[in-house]
N, C-alpha and C. Protein backbone atom coordinates (compact mmCIF):
# COMPACT_ATOMS: atom_id res chain seq x y z
N MET A 1 89.30 112.08 86.14
CA MET A 1 89.63 113.61 87.06
C MET A 1 88.83 113.29 88.15
N ALA A 2 89.21 113.42 89.28
CA ALA A 2 88.70 113.57 90.68
C ALA A 2 88.77 115.18 91.20
N VAL A 3 87.68 115.27 91.86
CA VAL A 3 87.26 116.79 92.36
C VAL A 3 87.59 116.39 93.96
N TYR A 4 88.23 117.40 94.75
CA TYR A 4 88.34 117.27 96.25
C TYR A 4 87.90 118.26 96.71
N ILE A 5 86.59 118.33 97.96
CA ILE A 5 86.01 119.61 98.46
C ILE A 5 86.28 119.29 99.94
N GLY A 6 86.38 120.24 100.81
CA GLY A 6 86.40 119.93 101.93
C GLY A 6 86.21 121.13 102.89
N MET A 7 86.38 121.16 103.95
CA MET A 7 85.95 122.03 105.11
C MET A 7 86.38 121.75 106.52
N ASN A 8 87.15 122.44 107.11
CA ASN A 8 87.76 121.72 108.34
C ASN A 8 86.99 122.16 109.66
N GLY A 9 86.43 123.44 109.67
CA GLY A 9 85.81 123.80 111.01
C GLY A 9 84.77 123.13 111.22
N VAL A 10 84.33 123.19 112.27
CA VAL A 10 83.02 122.62 112.94
C VAL A 10 81.96 123.47 112.44
N GLN A 11 80.88 122.57 111.67
CA GLN A 11 79.64 123.12 111.50
C GLN A 11 78.61 122.41 112.31
N SER A 12 77.68 123.08 112.91
CA SER A 12 76.30 122.71 113.40
C SER A 12 75.21 122.25 112.50
N LEU A 13 74.91 121.26 112.01
CA LEU A 13 73.84 121.03 110.87
C LEU A 13 72.71 120.40 111.30
N LEU A 14 71.67 120.84 110.55
CA LEU A 14 70.40 120.37 111.12
C LEU A 14 70.17 119.17 110.67
N ASN A 15 69.06 118.36 110.75
CA ASN A 15 68.69 117.26 109.90
C ASN A 15 68.35 117.72 108.47
N ARG A 16 69.28 116.88 107.65
CA ARG A 16 68.71 117.17 106.26
C ARG A 16 69.32 118.39 105.73
N GLN A 17 70.56 118.98 106.47
CA GLN A 17 70.93 120.17 105.84
C GLN A 17 72.42 119.83 105.37
N SER A 18 72.51 120.19 104.04
CA SER A 18 73.98 119.87 103.37
C SER A 18 75.21 120.69 104.18
N ALA A 19 76.36 119.80 104.19
CA ALA A 19 77.35 120.18 104.64
C ALA A 19 78.16 121.26 103.69
N ALA A 20 78.24 122.32 104.14
CA ALA A 20 78.88 123.30 102.95
C ALA A 20 80.63 123.08 103.09
N THR A 21 81.18 123.19 101.81
CA THR A 21 82.38 123.06 101.57
C THR A 21 82.89 124.11 100.63
N TYR A 22 84.22 124.15 100.59
CA TYR A 22 84.83 124.85 99.47
C TYR A 22 86.08 123.92 98.68
N ALA A 23 85.82 124.22 97.37
CA ALA A 23 86.72 123.77 96.38
C ALA A 23 88.15 123.76 96.69
N SER A 24 88.92 122.86 96.81
CA SER A 24 90.39 122.77 97.01
C SER A 24 90.80 122.44 95.54
N ILE A 25 90.40 121.49 94.92
CA ILE A 25 90.62 121.07 93.55
C ILE A 25 89.45 120.77 92.90
N SER A 26 89.20 122.00 91.71
CA SER A 26 88.02 121.65 91.10
C SER A 26 88.24 121.01 89.90
N CYS A 27 87.06 120.97 89.10
CA CYS A 27 86.89 119.83 87.81
C CYS A 27 87.36 120.94 86.61
N PRO A 28 88.40 120.74 85.91
CA PRO A 28 88.68 121.50 84.75
C PRO A 28 87.82 121.26 83.51
N ARG A 29 87.10 120.35 83.44
CA ARG A 29 86.46 119.81 82.39
C ARG A 29 84.91 120.14 82.57
N GLY A 30 84.31 120.72 83.71
CA GLY A 30 83.08 120.98 83.77
C GLY A 30 82.09 120.01 84.08
N ASN A 31 82.58 118.95 84.55
CA ASN A 31 81.85 117.81 84.87
C ASN A 31 81.14 117.77 86.19
N VAL A 32 81.66 118.18 87.12
CA VAL A 32 81.36 118.58 88.61
C VAL A 32 81.37 119.99 88.90
N LEU A 33 79.72 120.51 89.41
CA LEU A 33 80.00 121.85 89.38
C LEU A 33 79.48 122.18 90.76
N HIS A 34 80.15 123.34 91.54
CA HIS A 34 79.87 123.67 92.94
C HIS A 34 80.70 125.08 93.38
N ASP A 35 79.46 125.42 93.97
CA ASP A 35 79.76 126.80 94.30
C ASP A 35 80.40 126.94 95.79
N ASN A 36 81.66 127.85 96.07
CA ASN A 36 82.11 127.56 97.34
C ASN A 36 81.22 127.86 98.50
N GLY A 37 80.96 127.32 99.49
CA GLY A 37 80.52 127.88 100.73
C GLY A 37 79.15 127.10 100.55
N SER A 38 78.80 126.26 99.37
CA SER A 38 77.56 125.39 99.19
C SER A 38 77.92 123.88 99.68
N GLY A 39 76.51 123.36 99.88
CA GLY A 39 76.57 121.79 100.03
C GLY A 39 76.17 121.22 99.01
N ILE A 40 75.92 121.63 98.06
CA ILE A 40 75.29 120.92 96.79
C ILE A 40 76.21 120.93 95.61
N TYR A 41 76.34 119.97 95.23
CA TYR A 41 77.47 119.63 93.78
C TYR A 41 76.46 118.92 92.62
N THR A 42 76.70 119.16 91.76
CA THR A 42 75.94 118.87 90.18
C THR A 42 76.82 117.90 89.41
N LEU A 43 76.52 116.91 89.08
CA LEU A 43 77.29 116.02 88.34
C LEU A 43 76.81 116.11 87.11
N ARG A 44 77.38 116.19 86.01
CA ARG A 44 76.91 116.37 84.64
C ARG A 44 77.08 114.71 84.03
N GLY A 45 76.16 114.90 82.81
CA GLY A 45 76.11 113.76 82.17
C GLY A 45 76.97 114.13 80.85
N ASN A 46 77.91 114.56 80.77
CA ASN A 46 78.85 114.90 79.48
C ASN A 46 79.45 113.56 78.82
N THR A 47 78.74 112.86 78.18
CA THR A 47 79.60 111.95 77.46
C THR A 47 78.90 111.82 76.08
N PRO A 48 79.57 110.79 75.20
CA PRO A 48 78.98 110.52 74.06
C PRO A 48 78.20 108.96 74.24
N ASN A 49 78.61 108.51 75.47
CA ASN A 49 77.83 107.20 75.92
C ASN A 49 76.39 107.26 76.43
N CYS A 50 75.84 106.21 76.74
CA CYS A 50 74.47 106.37 77.48
C CYS A 50 74.28 106.90 78.90
N PHE A 51 75.68 106.97 79.61
CA PHE A 51 75.50 107.28 80.87
C PHE A 51 76.94 108.01 81.42
N ALA A 52 76.93 108.48 82.38
CA ALA A 52 78.49 109.05 82.98
C ALA A 52 77.95 108.33 84.63
N ARG A 53 79.34 107.90 84.87
CA ARG A 53 79.23 107.23 86.09
C ARG A 53 80.33 107.72 87.21
N TYR A 54 80.09 108.06 88.56
CA TYR A 54 80.74 108.96 89.37
C TYR A 54 80.62 108.11 90.81
N ARG A 55 82.09 108.14 91.21
CA ARG A 55 82.29 107.59 92.28
C ARG A 55 82.59 108.73 93.35
N VAL A 56 81.56 108.60 94.46
CA VAL A 56 81.28 109.93 95.58
C VAL A 56 81.87 109.27 96.80
N LYS A 57 82.51 109.96 97.54
CA LYS A 57 82.90 109.65 98.90
C LYS A 57 82.83 110.90 99.65
N GLY A 58 82.14 110.61 100.72
CA GLY A 58 82.11 111.72 101.92
C GLY A 58 82.47 111.08 103.12
N LYS A 59 83.50 111.99 103.94
CA LYS A 59 83.71 111.85 105.01
C LYS A 59 83.71 112.86 106.17
N ALA A 60 83.61 112.74 107.19
CA ALA A 60 83.47 113.57 108.25
C ALA A 60 83.47 113.11 109.55
N ASN A 61 83.83 113.77 110.65
CA ASN A 61 84.05 113.48 111.99
C ASN A 61 82.71 114.19 112.68
N ILE A 62 81.82 113.40 113.13
CA ILE A 62 80.55 113.95 113.60
C ILE A 62 80.48 113.39 115.10
N ALA A 63 79.46 114.30 115.81
CA ALA A 63 79.19 114.47 117.12
C ALA A 63 77.85 114.84 117.35
N ILE A 64 77.25 114.19 118.75
CA ILE A 64 76.36 115.12 119.13
C ILE A 64 76.56 116.43 120.02
N PRO A 65 76.12 117.57 119.91
CA PRO A 65 76.88 118.89 120.65
C PRO A 65 76.24 118.75 121.90
N THR A 66 76.79 119.66 122.96
CA THR A 66 76.54 119.68 124.29
C THR A 66 74.91 120.25 124.41
N GLY A 67 74.69 119.49 125.08
CA GLY A 67 72.88 120.03 125.35
C GLY A 67 72.01 118.60 124.45
N GLY A 68 72.76 117.94 123.73
CA GLY A 68 71.85 117.08 123.07
C GLY A 68 71.65 115.54 123.86
N THR A 69 71.05 114.72 123.36
CA THR A 69 70.91 113.39 123.85
C THR A 69 71.75 112.53 123.18
N VAL A 70 72.22 111.68 123.97
CA VAL A 70 73.33 110.54 123.53
C VAL A 70 72.47 109.53 122.75
N GLY A 71 72.64 109.31 121.34
CA GLY A 71 71.89 108.39 120.60
C GLY A 71 72.46 108.19 119.24
N PRO A 72 71.98 107.12 118.56
CA PRO A 72 72.26 107.21 117.06
C PRO A 72 72.25 108.26 116.19
N ILE A 73 73.54 108.69 115.38
CA ILE A 73 73.50 109.63 114.33
C ILE A 73 74.14 109.05 113.15
N ALA A 74 73.65 109.75 112.15
CA ALA A 74 73.76 109.31 110.70
C ALA A 74 74.41 110.67 109.83
N MET A 75 75.05 110.08 108.97
CA MET A 75 75.34 110.73 107.53
C MET A 75 75.13 110.10 106.46
N ALA A 76 74.83 110.43 105.13
CA ALA A 76 74.59 109.86 104.08
C ALA A 76 74.86 110.88 102.90
N ILE A 77 74.78 110.14 101.77
CA ILE A 77 74.71 111.02 100.46
C ILE A 77 73.21 110.86 99.91
N THR A 78 73.07 112.24 99.41
CA THR A 78 71.49 112.42 99.04
C THR A 78 71.79 112.75 97.54
N ILE A 79 70.77 112.07 96.57
CA ILE A 79 70.82 112.56 95.32
C ILE A 79 69.61 113.08 95.33
N SER A 80 69.59 114.22 94.50
CA SER A 80 68.15 114.96 94.28
C SER A 80 67.30 114.99 95.58
N GLY A 81 68.06 115.26 96.76
CA GLY A 81 67.34 115.27 97.81
C GLY A 81 66.77 114.44 98.37
N GLU A 82 66.77 112.96 98.03
CA GLU A 82 66.77 111.59 98.47
C GLU A 82 67.87 111.10 99.05
N VAL A 83 67.50 110.30 99.90
CA VAL A 83 68.91 109.99 101.05
C VAL A 83 68.85 108.55 99.99
N TYR A 84 70.41 108.37 99.63
CA TYR A 84 70.90 107.45 98.70
C TYR A 84 71.09 106.12 99.97
N GLU A 85 70.48 105.30 100.28
CA GLU A 85 70.44 104.43 101.57
C GLU A 85 71.74 103.71 101.54
N PRO A 86 72.39 103.07 100.60
CA PRO A 86 73.84 102.36 100.71
C PRO A 86 74.47 103.01 101.15
N SER A 87 74.55 104.48 101.19
CA SER A 87 75.51 105.35 101.69
C SER A 87 75.64 105.69 103.16
N ARG A 88 74.25 105.22 103.79
CA ARG A 88 74.00 105.85 105.18
C ARG A 88 75.18 105.06 105.92
N PHE A 89 75.48 106.04 106.73
CA PHE A 89 76.79 105.21 107.87
C PHE A 89 76.23 105.89 109.19
N ILE A 90 76.00 105.17 110.22
CA ILE A 90 75.34 105.33 111.44
C ILE A 90 76.31 105.13 112.51
N VAL A 91 76.45 106.04 113.45
CA VAL A 91 77.39 105.78 114.77
C VAL A 91 76.70 106.03 116.11
N THR A 92 77.08 105.23 117.08
CA THR A 92 76.40 105.90 118.29
C THR A 92 77.56 106.15 119.09
N PRO A 93 77.67 107.75 119.45
CA PRO A 93 78.99 108.11 120.36
C PRO A 93 78.19 107.70 121.98
N ALA A 94 79.45 107.35 122.69
CA ALA A 94 79.09 107.10 124.10
C ALA A 94 78.59 108.35 124.69
N ALA A 95 79.13 109.57 124.31
CA ALA A 95 78.92 110.89 125.26
C ALA A 95 78.73 111.79 124.23
N VAL A 96 77.95 113.16 124.58
CA VAL A 96 78.30 114.29 123.77
C VAL A 96 79.62 114.74 123.49
N GLU A 97 79.60 115.45 122.41
CA GLU A 97 81.10 115.94 122.05
C GLU A 97 82.08 114.79 121.74
N GLU A 98 81.78 113.64 121.57
CA GLU A 98 82.55 112.66 121.09
C GLU A 98 82.49 112.44 119.74
N TYR A 99 83.69 112.65 118.87
CA TYR A 99 83.54 112.82 117.54
C TYR A 99 83.78 111.09 116.96
N ASN A 100 83.04 110.60 116.16
CA ASN A 100 83.45 109.39 115.25
C ASN A 100 83.74 109.72 113.95
N GLY A 101 84.22 109.00 113.20
CA GLY A 101 84.52 109.17 111.65
C GLY A 101 83.51 108.40 111.05
N VAL A 102 83.04 108.96 109.75
CA VAL A 102 82.12 108.34 108.98
C VAL A 102 82.68 108.49 107.52
N ILE A 103 82.36 107.32 107.04
CA ILE A 103 82.94 107.47 105.36
C ILE A 103 81.45 106.82 104.56
N CYS A 104 81.00 107.88 103.81
CA CYS A 104 79.85 107.23 103.26
C CYS A 104 79.91 107.18 101.63
N PRO A 105 80.12 106.33 100.71
CA PRO A 105 80.48 106.02 99.74
C PRO A 105 79.13 105.83 98.85
N ALA A 106 79.08 106.20 97.55
CA ALA A 106 78.16 105.94 96.53
C ALA A 106 78.70 105.95 95.22
N VAL A 107 78.17 105.10 94.25
CA VAL A 107 78.24 105.06 93.08
C VAL A 107 77.07 105.88 91.86
N ILE A 108 77.27 106.58 91.66
CA ILE A 108 75.80 107.46 90.80
C ILE A 108 75.99 107.43 89.47
N THR A 109 75.02 107.07 88.63
CA THR A 109 74.90 107.12 87.23
C THR A 109 74.30 108.40 86.84
N VAL A 110 74.50 109.21 85.86
CA VAL A 110 73.78 110.27 85.57
C VAL A 110 73.43 109.98 83.94
N PRO A 111 72.23 110.01 83.22
CA PRO A 111 72.26 109.66 81.96
C PRO A 111 72.91 110.83 81.14
N ARG A 112 72.95 110.51 79.98
CA ARG A 112 73.85 111.65 78.95
C ARG A 112 72.93 112.67 78.94
N GLY A 113 73.53 113.80 78.65
CA GLY A 113 72.79 115.06 78.75
C GLY A 113 71.90 115.66 79.83
N CYS A 114 71.98 114.96 80.77
CA CYS A 114 71.13 115.16 82.39
C CYS A 114 72.10 115.66 83.08
N CYS A 115 71.73 116.19 84.23
CA CYS A 115 72.47 116.49 85.60
C CYS A 115 71.82 116.08 86.93
N THR A 116 72.67 115.58 87.68
CA THR A 116 72.16 115.16 88.96
C THR A 116 72.84 116.14 90.22
N GLN A 117 71.93 116.44 91.17
CA GLN A 117 72.57 117.02 92.11
C GLN A 117 72.75 116.29 93.47
N ILE A 118 73.85 116.24 93.88
CA ILE A 118 73.97 115.58 95.24
C ILE A 118 74.42 116.40 96.69
N GLY A 119 74.36 115.62 97.72
CA GLY A 119 74.85 116.68 98.90
C GLY A 119 75.18 115.62 99.96
N PHE A 120 75.87 115.87 100.95
CA PHE A 120 76.15 115.15 101.96
C PHE A 120 75.98 115.81 103.25
N GLU A 121 75.05 115.14 103.86
CA GLU A 121 74.16 115.61 105.06
C GLU A 121 73.71 114.68 106.54
N PRO A 122 73.45 115.08 107.17
CA PRO A 122 72.97 114.48 108.40
C PRO A 122 71.56 113.76 108.18
N VAL A 123 71.27 112.76 108.06
CA VAL A 123 70.07 111.88 108.24
C VAL A 123 69.51 111.29 109.26
N PRO A 124 68.48 110.76 109.41
CA PRO A 124 67.86 110.13 110.50
C PRO A 124 68.77 108.53 110.46
N ALA A 125 69.05 108.32 111.67
CA ALA A 125 69.66 106.89 111.79
C ALA A 125 68.71 105.62 111.34
N SER A 126 67.43 106.00 111.89
CA SER A 126 66.51 104.69 111.45
C SER A 126 65.27 105.35 110.65
N ASP A 127 64.73 104.43 109.75
CA ASP A 127 63.64 104.72 109.14
C ASP A 127 62.11 104.49 109.79
N ASP A 128 62.58 104.21 110.94
CA ASP A 128 61.36 104.11 111.79
C ASP A 128 60.78 105.29 112.13
N PRO A 129 59.65 106.07 111.77
CA PRO A 129 59.28 107.09 112.16
C PRO A 129 59.07 107.70 113.93
N ALA A 130 58.89 106.34 114.51
CA ALA A 130 58.73 106.83 116.16
C ALA A 130 60.00 106.69 116.74
N VAL A 131 61.13 106.93 115.81
CA VAL A 131 62.91 107.05 116.50
C VAL A 131 62.75 108.68 115.87
N ALA A 132 63.01 109.45 116.90
CA ALA A 132 63.31 110.86 116.34
C ALA A 132 65.00 111.15 116.03
N PRO A 133 65.07 111.66 115.18
CA PRO A 133 66.53 111.79 114.73
C PRO A 133 67.13 112.99 115.72
N ALA A 134 68.36 113.14 115.79
CA ALA A 134 69.14 114.00 116.28
C ALA A 134 68.92 115.43 115.77
N PRO A 135 68.46 116.43 116.48
CA PRO A 135 68.00 117.74 115.76
C PRO A 135 69.20 118.38 115.12
N VAL A 136 70.50 118.35 115.76
CA VAL A 136 71.42 118.81 115.24
C VAL A 136 72.72 118.05 115.34
N VAL A 137 73.70 118.22 114.49
CA VAL A 137 74.79 117.25 114.56
C VAL A 137 75.90 118.20 114.28
N ASP A 138 76.90 117.91 115.16
CA ASP A 138 78.23 118.62 114.68
C ASP A 138 79.03 118.08 113.61
N ALA A 139 79.73 118.54 112.87
CA ALA A 139 80.49 117.87 111.84
C ALA A 139 81.80 118.80 111.83
N GLN A 140 82.88 118.16 111.41
CA GLN A 140 83.85 118.64 111.46
C GLN A 140 85.06 117.78 110.28
N ASN A 141 85.79 118.63 109.73
CA ASN A 141 86.79 117.85 108.66
C ASN A 141 86.08 117.11 107.74
N ILE A 142 85.10 117.92 107.11
CA ILE A 142 84.38 117.29 106.32
C ILE A 142 85.01 117.52 104.93
N TYR A 143 84.71 116.28 104.28
CA TYR A 143 85.70 115.95 103.01
C TYR A 143 85.10 115.36 102.00
N VAL A 144 84.55 115.71 100.75
CA VAL A 144 83.63 115.03 99.41
C VAL A 144 84.78 114.88 98.59
N GLU A 145 85.05 113.65 97.86
CA GLU A 145 85.80 113.22 96.86
C GLU A 145 84.50 112.83 95.57
N ILE A 146 84.82 113.43 94.64
CA ILE A 146 84.04 112.97 93.44
C ILE A 146 84.83 112.74 92.38
N GLU A 147 84.84 111.41 91.87
CA GLU A 147 85.58 111.11 90.60
C GLU A 147 84.87 110.50 89.57
N ARG A 148 84.86 110.74 88.43
CA ARG A 148 84.45 110.30 87.06
C ARG A 148 85.07 108.98 86.72
N ILE A 149 84.36 107.88 86.59
CA ILE A 149 84.51 106.37 86.58
C ILE A 149 84.26 105.81 85.13
N ALA A 150 83.26 106.63 84.74
CA ALA A 150 82.77 105.80 83.35
C ALA A 150 82.02 107.10 82.82
């Protein structure tokens, strides 16, 4: 069972602010919980096995807003507020207001009986503390797909 959640309008997101979405197809089994207008998704470990596994894919078109400085920008899946590094996708637009597509995939394991919260948000493009992240990223056509695979 897959859940498809999206938002077409432009959102100006601060660094580490989850992209708000609206459920277009929700999970009838209660494995994925999401409130419309929120950017937080709860994955539930409802399973007789040791764990439940989910494939998560975040997609968006992102740009540096007018007045910003051109440089690398990034989006990623976050798990319980922490950046899931393998999902970080970095782009460097040539100019402000130039949108680039990003796709951030992740496979997330949730132990039986537990829950994990995830989000899809702009993150620093570098782990180097000397490199300042873009303060605001414009995102549009935001789409999150969550599929239970085990």
